[in-house]
Amino acid sequence: MEMIILKVEEIFFRDMYHQICLLTDAALAGKFIDMLEMDDEKPDGLLAYGYIDKDAGFTFSILGGAKTSGGKLKIFPINYKAAAVVRRGATAEADVKILTDDYALAFRDRMQMINDTYAVDDAREQTRFIKNLDAFRHPDYPDDVVVYFFHAEDKPELLWVRCLSVDENILKGELLNEPTKNFGCHAGDKIKFGVAKIGEQNILLHLPTTAGNVTLHPTDALEQ
């Protein structure tokens, strides 16, 4: 059976989160040529570690250049004196393969350094594993979700909110963009929201709400 090769844009962030990934894209690898220890061969990909920068979104830290030949993978060491990262959005067309099991020991210290540098508190980390939020997440900024804000006298407005914590069935987050209507909050404010059902549609809903016919999902509905 032929192995299916997926692109970064086709894989959900959790599958690459804290994983060593082989990103096959010669043009992408070429952007890091000057940082790699080269020989006569040129890389056609990158070995990279996936993590989340709470401000810059899903990011890959480059562990080295890579070239696949005859079923074997050759690694080109990288100069760590300079920052070598690439955001998920810039890798969308790269083929991806998870190789954590093969290289975790070799890059253990580097991975730990990245984890320590970009660690967030347990409350925010927990929100990254709530599957009910997945349909509302930004593809390149997994902490950011789109939330409905209802106004009694006007149409609802969709705004971006950065997840901070969850307590029972109530989530808390930071409002990222300024509302055009008066909801009693502004960009930068901490707000509450929940996974709700209006009719047959699941949405993320700003709380408290003036929307009618709303069912707020209980705690156990926030599947992890």
N, C-alpha and C. Protein backbone atom coordinates (compact mmCIF):
# COMPACT_ATOMS: atom_id res chain seq x y z
N MET A 1 0.84 -1.20 0.00
CA MET A 1 0.00 0.00 0.00
C MET A 1 0.88 1.25 0.00
N GLU A 2 0.56 2.19 -0.86
CA GLU A 2 1.35 3.41 -0.97
C GLU A 2 1.11 4.30 0.24
N MET A 3 2.20 4.82 0.84
CA MET A 3 2.08 5.69 2.01
C MET A 3 1.53 7.05 1.58
N ILE A 4 0.56 7.55 2.33
CA ILE A 4 -0.04 8.84 2.04
C ILE A 4 0.83 9.94 2.67
N ILE A 5 1.27 10.88 1.84
CA ILE A 5 2.07 11.99 2.32
C ILE A 5 1.15 13.19 2.53
N LEU A 6 1.16 13.75 3.71
CA LEU A 6 0.31 14.90 4.04
C LEU A 6 1.15 16.16 4.09
N LYS A 7 0.51 17.26 3.83
CA LYS A 7 1.15 18.57 3.95
C LYS A 7 0.84 19.17 5.31
N VAL A 8 1.67 20.12 5.72
CA VAL A 8 1.49 20.75 7.03
C VAL A 8 0.08 21.30 7.18
N GLU A 9 -0.45 21.93 6.14
CA GLU A 9 -1.77 22.54 6.23
C GLU A 9 -2.88 21.50 6.39
N GLU A 10 -2.57 20.23 6.14
CA GLU A 10 -3.57 19.17 6.24
C GLU A 10 -3.54 18.46 7.59
N ILE A 11 -2.61 18.85 8.45
CA ILE A 11 -2.44 18.19 9.75
C ILE A 11 -2.81 19.15 10.86
N PHE A 12 -3.56 18.66 11.84
CA PHE A 12 -3.98 19.53 12.93
C PHE A 12 -2.80 19.81 13.86
N PHE A 13 -2.82 20.96 14.49
CA PHE A 13 -1.64 21.42 15.24
C PHE A 13 -1.20 20.45 16.33
N ARG A 14 -2.15 19.79 17.00
CA ARG A 14 -1.76 18.90 18.10
C ARG A 14 -0.93 17.72 17.64
N ASP A 15 -1.10 17.32 16.37
CA ASP A 15 -0.31 16.21 15.84
C ASP A 15 1.16 16.58 15.65
N MET A 16 1.45 17.89 15.61
CA MET A 16 2.83 18.36 15.43
C MET A 16 3.36 19.07 16.68
N TYR A 17 2.50 19.25 17.66
CA TYR A 17 2.86 19.99 18.87
C TYR A 17 3.82 19.17 19.73
N HIS A 18 4.98 19.74 20.03
CA HIS A 18 6.04 19.07 20.78
C HIS A 18 6.48 17.77 20.10
N GLN A 19 6.52 17.83 18.75
CA GLN A 19 6.97 16.70 17.95
C GLN A 19 8.10 17.15 17.02
N ILE A 20 9.00 16.21 16.73
CA ILE A 20 10.04 16.45 15.72
C ILE A 20 9.47 16.07 14.37
N CYS A 21 9.50 17.03 13.45
CA CYS A 21 8.87 16.85 12.14
C CYS A 21 9.90 16.99 11.03
N LEU A 22 9.77 16.15 10.02
CA LEU A 22 10.53 16.31 8.79
C LEU A 22 9.65 17.10 7.83
N LEU A 23 10.11 18.31 7.49
CA LEU A 23 9.38 19.17 6.55
C LEU A 23 10.11 19.12 5.21
N THR A 24 9.52 18.48 4.23
CA THR A 24 10.16 18.33 2.93
C THR A 24 9.69 19.42 1.98
N ASP A 25 10.59 20.34 1.70
CA ASP A 25 10.30 21.48 0.83
C ASP A 25 11.64 22.13 0.52
N ALA A 26 12.14 21.90 -0.68
CA ALA A 26 13.48 22.38 -1.04
C ALA A 26 13.58 23.90 -0.97
N ALA A 27 12.53 24.60 -1.38
CA ALA A 27 12.56 26.06 -1.35
C ALA A 27 12.61 26.57 0.09
N LEU A 28 11.87 25.93 0.97
CA LEU A 28 11.89 26.30 2.38
C LEU A 28 13.27 26.04 2.98
N ALA A 29 13.85 24.87 2.68
CA ALA A 29 15.19 24.54 3.19
C ALA A 29 16.22 25.53 2.68
N GLY A 30 16.04 26.01 1.46
CA GLY A 30 16.99 26.93 0.87
C GLY A 30 17.11 28.24 1.63
N LYS A 31 16.08 28.60 2.36
CA LYS A 31 16.11 29.85 3.13
C LYS A 31 17.06 29.76 4.31
N PHE A 32 17.47 28.54 4.68
CA PHE A 32 18.33 28.35 5.85
C PHE A 32 19.73 27.84 5.46
N ILE A 33 20.03 27.84 4.17
CA ILE A 33 21.30 27.30 3.66
C ILE A 33 22.49 27.91 4.39
N ASP A 34 22.48 29.23 4.58
CA ASP A 34 23.63 29.93 5.17
C ASP A 34 23.85 29.57 6.64
N MET A 35 22.86 28.93 7.27
CA MET A 35 22.97 28.58 8.68
C MET A 35 23.36 27.12 8.88
N LEU A 36 23.45 26.37 7.78
CA LEU A 36 23.71 24.94 7.87
C LEU A 36 25.16 24.61 7.57
N GLU A 37 25.65 23.54 8.19
CA GLU A 37 26.98 23.01 7.89
C GLU A 37 26.83 22.08 6.69
N MET A 38 27.33 22.56 5.53
CA MET A 38 27.06 21.89 4.27
C MET A 38 28.25 21.08 3.76
N ASP A 39 27.95 20.15 2.84
CA ASP A 39 28.98 19.49 2.05
C ASP A 39 28.57 19.61 0.59
N ASP A 40 28.87 18.65 -0.23
CA ASP A 40 28.54 18.76 -1.64
C ASP A 40 27.04 18.60 -1.92
N GLU A 41 26.33 18.02 -0.97
CA GLU A 41 24.90 17.83 -1.15
C GLU A 41 24.12 19.02 -0.59
N LYS A 42 22.90 19.17 -1.07
CA LYS A 42 22.02 20.22 -0.58
C LYS A 42 20.77 19.61 0.04
N PRO A 43 20.27 20.20 1.11
CA PRO A 43 19.08 19.65 1.77
C PRO A 43 17.83 19.88 0.92
N ASP A 44 16.89 18.97 1.02
CA ASP A 44 15.60 19.16 0.38
C ASP A 44 14.48 19.32 1.41
N GLY A 45 14.91 19.49 2.66
CA GLY A 45 13.92 19.66 3.72
C GLY A 45 14.59 20.10 5.01
N LEU A 46 13.79 20.16 6.06
CA LEU A 46 14.26 20.59 7.38
C LEU A 46 13.75 19.63 8.45
N LEU A 47 14.59 19.40 9.44
CA LEU A 47 14.15 18.70 10.64
C LEU A 47 13.79 19.79 11.65
N ALA A 48 12.58 19.76 12.18
CA ALA A 48 12.10 20.88 12.98
C ALA A 48 11.23 20.40 14.15
N TYR A 49 11.20 21.22 15.20
CA TYR A 49 10.43 20.89 16.40
C TYR A 49 9.26 21.86 16.53
N GLY A 50 8.06 21.32 16.65
CA GLY A 50 6.86 22.15 16.71
C GLY A 50 6.50 22.59 18.12
N TYR A 51 6.23 23.87 18.28
CA TYR A 51 5.80 24.41 19.57
C TYR A 51 4.89 25.60 19.32
N ILE A 52 4.31 26.15 20.39
CA ILE A 52 3.44 27.31 20.27
C ILE A 52 4.08 28.49 20.98
N ASP A 53 4.29 29.55 20.23
CA ASP A 53 4.67 30.85 20.79
C ASP A 53 3.36 31.57 21.08
N LYS A 54 3.12 31.93 22.33
CA LYS A 54 1.80 32.46 22.71
C LYS A 54 1.43 33.73 21.96
N ASP A 55 2.43 34.44 21.42
CA ASP A 55 2.16 35.66 20.65
C ASP A 55 2.26 35.44 19.15
N ALA A 56 3.21 34.62 18.72
CA ALA A 56 3.47 34.44 17.28
C ALA A 56 2.80 33.21 16.69
N GLY A 57 2.18 32.38 17.53
CA GLY A 57 1.45 31.22 17.04
C GLY A 57 2.31 29.97 16.89
N PHE A 58 1.77 29.00 16.13
CA PHE A 58 2.47 27.72 15.98
C PHE A 58 3.74 27.94 15.18
N THR A 59 4.84 27.43 15.72
CA THR A 59 6.17 27.71 15.18
C THR A 59 7.00 26.43 15.12
N PHE A 60 7.87 26.36 14.14
CA PHE A 60 8.84 25.28 14.08
C PHE A 60 10.23 25.84 14.37
N SER A 61 10.92 25.24 15.32
CA SER A 61 12.33 25.55 15.57
C SER A 61 13.16 24.60 14.72
N ILE A 62 14.03 25.15 13.89
CA ILE A 62 14.80 24.32 12.96
C ILE A 62 15.94 23.60 13.71
N LEU A 63 15.94 22.29 13.64
CA LEU A 63 16.97 21.47 14.28
C LEU A 63 18.11 21.16 13.33
N GLY A 64 17.85 21.24 12.04
CA GLY A 64 18.88 20.97 11.05
C GLY A 64 18.28 20.87 9.66
N GLY A 65 19.15 20.87 8.66
CA GLY A 65 18.71 20.58 7.30
C GLY A 65 18.55 19.09 7.14
N ALA A 66 17.85 18.67 6.12
CA ALA A 66 17.62 17.24 5.92
C ALA A 66 17.57 16.91 4.43
N LYS A 67 18.03 15.71 4.11
CA LYS A 67 17.94 15.22 2.74
C LYS A 67 17.63 13.74 2.76
N THR A 68 16.59 13.36 2.05
CA THR A 68 16.20 11.95 1.96
C THR A 68 16.73 11.36 0.67
N SER A 69 17.45 10.26 0.81
CA SER A 69 18.01 9.60 -0.37
C SER A 69 18.09 8.10 -0.10
N GLY A 70 17.51 7.32 -0.99
CA GLY A 70 17.55 5.87 -0.84
C GLY A 70 16.92 5.37 0.44
N GLY A 71 15.91 6.07 0.88
CA GLY A 71 15.21 5.68 2.10
C GLY A 71 15.92 6.08 3.39
N LYS A 72 17.07 6.77 3.25
CA LYS A 72 17.83 7.19 4.42
C LYS A 72 17.77 8.72 4.54
N LEU A 73 17.86 9.19 5.79
CA LEU A 73 17.78 10.62 6.05
C LEU A 73 19.13 11.15 6.50
N LYS A 74 19.64 12.13 5.79
CA LYS A 74 20.89 12.78 6.17
C LYS A 74 20.57 14.12 6.82
N ILE A 75 21.21 14.38 7.97
CA ILE A 75 20.97 15.62 8.71
C ILE A 75 22.16 16.55 8.56
N PHE A 76 21.87 17.82 8.26
CA PHE A 76 22.88 18.86 8.18
C PHE A 76 22.79 19.72 9.44
N PRO A 77 23.81 19.72 10.29
CA PRO A 77 23.76 20.50 11.53
C PRO A 77 23.53 21.99 11.25
N ILE A 78 22.91 22.66 12.23
CA ILE A 78 22.61 24.08 12.09
C ILE A 78 23.34 24.88 13.16
N ASN A 79 23.68 26.11 12.83
CA ASN A 79 24.32 27.01 13.77
C ASN A 79 23.26 27.63 14.67
N TYR A 80 23.27 27.24 15.96
CA TYR A 80 22.26 27.71 16.89
C TYR A 80 22.54 29.11 17.43
N LYS A 81 23.63 29.73 16.99
CA LYS A 81 23.93 31.08 17.47
C LYS A 81 22.93 32.09 16.93
N ALA A 82 22.29 31.74 15.83
CA ALA A 82 21.26 32.61 15.24
C ALA A 82 19.91 31.92 15.37
N ALA A 83 18.86 32.73 15.54
CA ALA A 83 17.52 32.16 15.65
C ALA A 83 17.12 31.53 14.33
N ALA A 84 16.63 30.33 14.39
CA ALA A 84 16.21 29.62 13.19
C ALA A 84 14.82 29.06 13.43
N VAL A 85 13.81 29.84 13.08
CA VAL A 85 12.43 29.41 13.26
C VAL A 85 11.64 29.74 12.00
N VAL A 86 10.54 29.04 11.85
CA VAL A 86 9.62 29.32 10.75
C VAL A 86 8.20 29.10 11.27
N ARG A 87 7.31 30.03 10.96
CA ARG A 87 5.93 29.94 11.42
C ARG A 87 5.15 28.92 10.57
N ARG A 88 4.14 28.35 11.17
CA ARG A 88 3.36 27.31 10.48
C ARG A 88 2.81 27.79 9.15
N GLY A 89 2.36 29.02 9.09
CA GLY A 89 1.77 29.53 7.86
C GLY A 89 2.73 29.53 6.69
N ALA A 90 4.02 29.64 6.98
CA ALA A 90 5.02 29.66 5.91
C ALA A 90 5.42 28.26 5.47
N THR A 91 4.92 27.23 6.15
CA THR A 91 5.29 25.85 5.82
C THR A 91 4.10 25.07 5.27
N ALA A 92 3.00 25.74 4.96
CA ALA A 92 1.75 25.06 4.63
C ALA A 92 1.88 24.04 3.52
N GLU A 93 2.74 24.33 2.51
CA GLU A 93 2.87 23.44 1.36
C GLU A 93 3.92 22.35 1.54
N ALA A 94 4.64 22.36 2.66
CA ALA A 94 5.67 21.35 2.90
C ALA A 94 5.03 20.00 3.25
N ASP A 95 5.60 18.93 2.71
CA ASP A 95 5.22 17.59 3.16
C ASP A 95 5.74 17.40 4.57
N VAL A 96 5.00 16.66 5.40
CA VAL A 96 5.41 16.51 6.79
C VAL A 96 5.36 15.04 7.22
N LYS A 97 6.35 14.66 8.01
CA LYS A 97 6.40 13.32 8.60
C LYS A 97 6.90 13.47 10.02
N ILE A 98 6.25 12.80 10.97
CA ILE A 98 6.63 12.88 12.38
C ILE A 98 7.74 11.87 12.65
N LEU A 99 8.87 12.39 13.20
CA LEU A 99 10.04 11.53 13.45
C LEU A 99 10.52 11.61 14.89
N THR A 100 9.64 11.96 15.81
CA THR A 100 10.03 12.13 17.21
C THR A 100 10.70 10.89 17.77
N ASP A 101 10.15 9.73 17.50
CA ASP A 101 10.70 8.50 18.06
C ASP A 101 12.13 8.26 17.61
N ASP A 102 12.47 8.71 16.41
CA ASP A 102 13.80 8.46 15.86
C ASP A 102 14.86 9.45 16.37
N TYR A 103 14.42 10.67 16.71
CA TYR A 103 15.40 11.72 17.00
C TYR A 103 15.24 12.40 18.36
N ALA A 104 14.32 11.93 19.18
CA ALA A 104 14.07 12.57 20.48
C ALA A 104 15.32 12.56 21.36
N LEU A 105 16.06 11.48 21.37
CA LEU A 105 17.24 11.40 22.22
C LEU A 105 18.33 12.35 21.73
N ALA A 106 18.54 12.40 20.44
CA ALA A 106 19.60 13.26 19.88
C ALA A 106 19.34 14.73 20.15
N PHE A 107 18.07 15.13 20.16
CA PHE A 107 17.74 16.55 20.32
C PHE A 107 17.03 16.83 21.65
N ARG A 108 17.24 15.94 22.62
CA ARG A 108 16.55 16.06 23.91
C ARG A 108 16.79 17.40 24.57
N ASP A 109 18.04 17.83 24.65
CA ASP A 109 18.36 19.09 25.33
C ASP A 109 17.77 20.29 24.60
N ARG A 110 17.83 20.27 23.27
CA ARG A 110 17.27 21.37 22.49
C ARG A 110 15.76 21.46 22.68
N MET A 111 15.10 20.33 22.66
CA MET A 111 13.66 20.29 22.86
C MET A 111 13.28 20.82 24.24
N GLN A 112 14.04 20.43 25.26
CA GLN A 112 13.74 20.87 26.62
C GLN A 112 13.93 22.38 26.75
N MET A 113 14.95 22.92 26.10
CA MET A 113 15.19 24.36 26.14
C MET A 113 14.02 25.12 25.52
N ILE A 114 13.52 24.62 24.39
CA ILE A 114 12.39 25.26 23.72
C ILE A 114 11.14 25.17 24.60
N ASN A 115 10.91 23.99 25.17
CA ASN A 115 9.74 23.82 26.04
C ASN A 115 9.79 24.77 27.23
N ASP A 116 10.96 24.92 27.83
CA ASP A 116 11.10 25.81 28.98
C ASP A 116 10.91 27.27 28.58
N THR A 117 11.45 27.65 27.43
CA THR A 117 11.38 29.04 26.98
C THR A 117 9.95 29.46 26.67
N TYR A 118 9.18 28.57 26.08
CA TYR A 118 7.83 28.94 25.62
C TYR A 118 6.73 28.31 26.45
N ALA A 119 7.08 27.88 27.65
CA ALA A 119 6.07 27.29 28.54
C ALA A 119 5.03 28.33 28.95
N VAL A 120 3.79 27.90 29.06
CA VAL A 120 2.72 28.73 29.59
C VAL A 120 2.18 28.06 30.84
N ASP A 121 1.33 28.75 31.58
CA ASP A 121 0.79 28.15 32.79
C ASP A 121 -0.14 26.99 32.44
N ASP A 122 -0.39 26.14 33.43
CA ASP A 122 -1.19 24.93 33.19
C ASP A 122 -2.59 25.26 32.70
N ALA A 123 -3.14 26.40 33.15
CA ALA A 123 -4.50 26.76 32.76
C ALA A 123 -4.61 26.98 31.26
N ARG A 124 -3.64 27.71 30.68
CA ARG A 124 -3.68 27.94 29.24
C ARG A 124 -3.35 26.66 28.48
N GLU A 125 -2.38 25.90 28.98
CA GLU A 125 -2.01 24.65 28.31
C GLU A 125 -3.21 23.72 28.20
N GLN A 126 -4.04 23.70 29.23
CA GLN A 126 -5.22 22.84 29.22
C GLN A 126 -6.16 23.19 28.07
N THR A 127 -6.29 24.48 27.76
CA THR A 127 -7.22 24.88 26.70
C THR A 127 -6.76 24.39 25.33
N ARG A 128 -5.48 24.10 25.16
CA ARG A 128 -4.97 23.64 23.88
C ARG A 128 -5.41 22.22 23.55
N PHE A 129 -5.96 21.52 24.55
CA PHE A 129 -6.36 20.13 24.36
C PHE A 129 -7.87 19.95 24.46
N ILE A 130 -8.63 21.05 24.43
CA ILE A 130 -10.09 20.97 24.44
C ILE A 130 -10.57 20.84 23.00
N LYS A 131 -11.02 19.66 22.65
CA LYS A 131 -11.36 19.38 21.26
C LYS A 131 -12.58 20.17 20.78
N ASN A 132 -13.48 20.52 21.71
CA ASN A 132 -14.66 21.28 21.31
C ASN A 132 -14.32 22.66 20.77
N LEU A 133 -13.11 23.13 21.05
CA LEU A 133 -12.69 24.44 20.56
C LEU A 133 -12.08 24.37 19.16
N ASP A 134 -11.78 23.17 18.69
CA ASP A 134 -10.97 23.03 17.48
C ASP A 134 -11.61 23.67 16.25
N ALA A 135 -12.92 23.57 16.13
CA ALA A 135 -13.59 24.12 14.94
C ALA A 135 -13.50 25.64 14.90
N PHE A 136 -13.16 26.26 16.03
CA PHE A 136 -13.16 27.72 16.11
C PHE A 136 -11.74 28.31 16.20
N ARG A 137 -10.72 27.46 16.17
CA ARG A 137 -9.34 27.92 16.32
C ARG A 137 -8.81 28.51 15.01
N HIS A 138 -7.92 29.49 15.14
CA HIS A 138 -7.18 30.00 13.99
C HIS A 138 -6.18 28.92 13.60
N PRO A 139 -6.02 28.60 12.32
CA PRO A 139 -5.12 27.51 11.91
C PRO A 139 -3.66 27.73 12.29
N ASP A 140 -3.22 28.98 12.36
CA ASP A 140 -1.82 29.27 12.67
C ASP A 140 -1.60 29.77 14.10
N TYR A 141 -2.70 30.08 14.80
CA TYR A 141 -2.64 30.59 16.18
C TYR A 141 -3.61 29.76 17.02
N PRO A 142 -3.18 28.57 17.46
CA PRO A 142 -4.11 27.63 18.10
C PRO A 142 -4.77 28.15 19.38
N ASP A 143 -4.16 29.14 20.04
CA ASP A 143 -4.76 29.69 21.26
C ASP A 143 -5.91 30.63 20.95
N ASP A 144 -6.03 31.07 19.70
CA ASP A 144 -7.01 32.08 19.33
C ASP A 144 -8.25 31.43 18.72
N VAL A 145 -9.41 31.80 19.24
CA VAL A 145 -10.69 31.25 18.77
C VAL A 145 -11.63 32.39 18.41
N VAL A 146 -12.58 32.10 17.54
CA VAL A 146 -13.55 33.11 17.12
C VAL A 146 -14.82 32.94 17.95
N VAL A 147 -15.27 34.04 18.54
CA VAL A 147 -16.37 34.03 19.51
C VAL A 147 -17.49 34.96 19.04
N TYR A 148 -18.74 34.51 19.21
CA TYR A 148 -19.90 35.34 18.91
C TYR A 148 -20.20 36.28 20.08
N PHE A 149 -20.38 37.54 19.74
CA PHE A 149 -20.84 38.54 20.71
C PHE A 149 -22.22 39.01 20.25
N PHE A 150 -23.22 38.87 21.14
CA PHE A 150 -24.58 39.26 20.79
C PHE A 150 -24.94 40.58 21.44
N HIS A 151 -25.68 41.39 20.68
CA HIS A 151 -26.21 42.65 21.18
C HIS A 151 -27.72 42.61 21.00
N ALA A 152 -28.45 43.00 22.03
CA ALA A 152 -29.91 42.86 22.01
C ALA A 152 -30.56 43.58 20.84
N GLU A 153 -29.95 44.67 20.36
CA GLU A 153 -30.58 45.49 19.34
C GLU A 153 -29.87 45.44 17.99
N ASP A 154 -28.98 44.48 17.80
CA ASP A 154 -28.21 44.46 16.56
C ASP A 154 -27.80 43.04 16.23
N LYS A 155 -27.18 42.86 15.05
CA LYS A 155 -26.69 41.56 14.63
C LYS A 155 -25.46 41.18 15.46
N PRO A 156 -25.20 39.88 15.62
CA PRO A 156 -24.01 39.45 16.38
C PRO A 156 -22.72 39.84 15.66
N GLU A 157 -21.65 39.91 16.43
CA GLU A 157 -20.34 40.24 15.88
C GLU A 157 -19.37 39.12 16.23
N LEU A 158 -18.52 38.75 15.28
CA LEU A 158 -17.51 37.72 15.50
C LEU A 158 -16.18 38.39 15.82
N LEU A 159 -15.59 37.99 16.96
CA LEU A 159 -14.34 38.60 17.41
C LEU A 159 -13.36 37.50 17.83
N TRP A 160 -12.06 37.80 17.71
CA TRP A 160 -11.02 36.84 18.11
C TRP A 160 -10.70 37.00 19.59
N VAL A 161 -10.59 35.84 20.26
CA VAL A 161 -10.28 35.80 21.69
C VAL A 161 -9.15 34.80 21.90
N ARG A 162 -8.16 35.17 22.70
CA ARG A 162 -7.03 34.28 23.01
C ARG A 162 -7.33 33.53 24.31
N CYS A 163 -7.39 32.21 24.23
CA CYS A 163 -7.76 31.38 25.39
C CYS A 163 -6.72 31.49 26.50
N LEU A 164 -7.21 31.62 27.73
CA LEU A 164 -6.33 31.73 28.89
C LEU A 164 -6.56 30.63 29.91
N SER A 165 -7.82 30.23 30.09
CA SER A 165 -8.11 29.21 31.11
C SER A 165 -9.52 28.68 30.93
N VAL A 166 -9.81 27.59 31.63
CA VAL A 166 -11.16 27.04 31.65
C VAL A 166 -11.48 26.62 33.07
N ASP A 167 -12.69 26.94 33.53
CA ASP A 167 -13.16 26.58 34.85
C ASP A 167 -14.58 26.04 34.70
N GLU A 168 -14.73 24.74 34.92
CA GLU A 168 -15.98 24.04 34.63
C GLU A 168 -16.35 24.28 33.17
N ASN A 169 -17.53 24.86 32.89
CA ASN A 169 -17.92 25.05 31.49
C ASN A 169 -17.67 26.47 31.00
N ILE A 170 -16.94 27.26 31.77
CA ILE A 170 -16.68 28.65 31.42
C ILE A 170 -15.20 28.82 31.06
N LEU A 171 -14.97 29.42 29.89
CA LEU A 171 -13.60 29.71 29.47
C LEU A 171 -13.33 31.20 29.65
N LYS A 172 -12.07 31.52 29.87
CA LYS A 172 -11.64 32.91 29.97
C LYS A 172 -10.59 33.18 28.91
N GLY A 173 -10.61 34.40 28.37
CA GLY A 173 -9.65 34.74 27.35
C GLY A 173 -9.47 36.23 27.22
N GLU A 174 -8.50 36.62 26.40
CA GLU A 174 -8.22 38.03 26.13
C GLU A 174 -8.82 38.42 24.79
N LEU A 175 -9.64 39.45 24.78
CA LEU A 175 -10.23 39.94 23.54
C LEU A 175 -9.14 40.60 22.70
N LEU A 176 -9.00 40.16 21.45
CA LEU A 176 -7.87 40.60 20.63
C LEU A 176 -8.19 41.78 19.71
N ASN A 177 -9.42 41.89 19.26
CA ASN A 177 -9.75 43.02 18.38
C ASN A 177 -10.89 43.85 18.96
N GLU A 178 -10.93 45.11 18.58
CA GLU A 178 -11.88 46.06 19.15
C GLU A 178 -13.27 45.86 18.54
N PRO A 179 -14.29 45.67 19.37
CA PRO A 179 -15.66 45.53 18.83
C PRO A 179 -16.13 46.82 18.17
N THR A 180 -16.97 46.67 17.17
CA THR A 180 -17.57 47.86 16.56
C THR A 180 -18.85 48.26 17.28
N LYS A 181 -19.35 47.35 18.11
CA LYS A 181 -20.56 47.64 18.89
C LYS A 181 -20.22 47.68 20.37
N ASN A 182 -21.15 48.14 21.18
CA ASN A 182 -20.92 48.27 22.62
C ASN A 182 -21.33 47.00 23.34
N PHE A 183 -20.34 46.18 23.64
CA PHE A 183 -20.58 44.97 24.42
C PHE A 183 -20.06 45.12 25.85
N GLY A 184 -19.61 46.31 26.19
CA GLY A 184 -19.08 46.54 27.53
C GLY A 184 -17.66 46.04 27.70
N CYS A 185 -16.95 45.80 26.59
CA CYS A 185 -15.56 45.33 26.68
C CYS A 185 -14.79 45.87 25.48
N HIS A 186 -13.47 45.84 25.61
CA HIS A 186 -12.60 46.38 24.57
C HIS A 186 -11.42 45.44 24.35
N ALA A 187 -10.71 45.65 23.25
CA ALA A 187 -9.50 44.86 22.96
C ALA A 187 -8.54 44.92 24.14
N GLY A 188 -8.05 43.76 24.55
CA GLY A 188 -7.15 43.68 25.70
C GLY A 188 -7.85 43.29 26.98
N ASP A 189 -9.18 43.39 27.01
CA ASP A 189 -9.93 43.02 28.21
C ASP A 189 -10.00 41.50 28.34
N LYS A 190 -10.12 41.03 29.56
CA LYS A 190 -10.37 39.61 29.83
C LYS A 190 -11.88 39.38 29.82
N ILE A 191 -12.32 38.39 29.06
CA ILE A 191 -13.75 38.12 28.95
C ILE A 191 -14.02 36.63 29.20
N LYS A 192 -15.30 36.32 29.40
CA LYS A 192 -15.72 34.93 29.59
C LYS A 192 -16.52 34.49 28.38
N PHE A 193 -16.41 33.21 28.05
CA PHE A 193 -17.19 32.66 26.94
C PHE A 193 -17.36 31.16 27.16
N GLY A 194 -18.24 30.57 26.37
CA GLY A 194 -18.50 29.15 26.52
C GLY A 194 -18.88 28.51 25.20
N VAL A 195 -18.80 27.16 25.16
CA VAL A 195 -19.26 26.41 24.00
C VAL A 195 -20.77 26.26 24.16
N ALA A 196 -21.52 26.84 23.23
CA ALA A 196 -22.97 26.89 23.35
C ALA A 196 -23.64 26.31 22.12
N LYS A 197 -24.93 26.05 22.27
CA LYS A 197 -25.73 25.55 21.16
C LYS A 197 -26.92 26.47 20.97
N ILE A 198 -27.01 27.06 19.79
CA ILE A 198 -28.16 27.89 19.43
C ILE A 198 -28.88 27.16 18.31
N GLY A 199 -30.06 26.66 18.60
CA GLY A 199 -30.75 25.80 17.65
C GLY A 199 -29.95 24.51 17.50
N GLU A 200 -29.49 24.23 16.30
CA GLU A 200 -28.69 23.03 16.05
C GLU A 200 -27.21 23.34 15.84
N GLN A 201 -26.83 24.60 16.01
CA GLN A 201 -25.46 25.01 15.71
C GLN A 201 -24.65 25.23 16.98
N ASN A 202 -23.45 24.64 17.03
CA ASN A 202 -22.52 24.90 18.12
C ASN A 202 -21.69 26.14 17.80
N ILE A 203 -21.56 27.02 18.78
CA ILE A 203 -20.76 28.23 18.62
C ILE A 203 -20.01 28.49 19.91
N LEU A 204 -19.05 29.42 19.86
CA LEU A 204 -18.46 29.97 21.07
C LEU A 204 -19.17 31.29 21.34
N LEU A 205 -19.63 31.46 22.56
CA LEU A 205 -20.53 32.56 22.88
C LEU A 205 -19.98 33.39 24.04
N HIS A 206 -19.90 34.70 23.83
CA HIS A 206 -19.50 35.62 24.89
C HIS A 206 -20.53 35.59 26.01
N LEU A 207 -20.06 35.59 27.25
CA LEU A 207 -20.95 35.53 28.41
C LEU A 207 -20.76 36.76 29.30
N PRO A 208 -21.83 37.24 29.94
CA PRO A 208 -23.23 36.82 29.76
C PRO A 208 -23.73 37.23 28.40
N THR A 209 -24.84 36.65 27.96
CA THR A 209 -25.32 36.90 26.61
C THR A 209 -26.78 37.33 26.61
N THR A 210 -27.15 38.08 25.59
CA THR A 210 -28.56 38.46 25.40
C THR A 210 -29.22 37.56 24.37
N ALA A 211 -28.45 36.60 23.83
CA ALA A 211 -29.01 35.69 22.82
C ALA A 211 -30.04 34.77 23.45
N GLY A 212 -31.12 34.53 22.74
CA GLY A 212 -32.15 33.63 23.24
C GLY A 212 -31.94 32.21 22.78
N ASN A 213 -32.63 31.28 23.39
CA ASN A 213 -32.60 29.86 23.00
C ASN A 213 -31.19 29.31 22.99
N VAL A 214 -30.45 29.56 24.08
CA VAL A 214 -29.06 29.13 24.19
C VAL A 214 -28.93 27.98 25.18
N THR A 215 -28.20 26.94 24.79
CA THR A 215 -27.86 25.85 25.70
C THR A 215 -26.35 25.84 25.88
N LEU A 216 -25.85 26.08 27.10
CA LEU A 216 -24.42 26.09 27.35
C LEU A 216 -23.98 24.68 27.70
N HIS A 217 -22.94 24.20 27.02
CA HIS A 217 -22.48 22.84 27.25
C HIS A 217 -21.91 22.70 28.67
N PRO A 218 -22.19 21.58 29.33
CA PRO A 218 -21.61 21.34 30.66
C PRO A 218 -20.14 20.99 30.56
N THR A 219 -19.50 20.88 31.72
CA THR A 219 -18.06 20.65 31.78
C THR A 219 -17.64 19.43 30.99
N ASP A 220 -18.36 18.32 31.13
CA ASP A 220 -17.90 17.09 30.51
C ASP A 220 -18.04 17.13 28.98
N ALA A 221 -18.68 18.19 28.46
CA ALA A 221 -18.76 18.32 27.02
C ALA A 221 -17.49 18.92 26.44
N LEU A 222 -16.64 19.50 27.30
CA LEU A 222 -15.37 20.06 26.83
C LEU A 222 -14.36 18.93 26.73
N GLU A 223 -14.51 18.16 25.66
CA GLU A 223 -13.74 16.94 25.46
C GLU A 223 -12.26 17.24 25.27
N GLN A 224 -11.40 16.43 25.93
CA GLN A 224 -9.96 16.59 25.77
C GLN A 224 -9.35 15.29 25.27
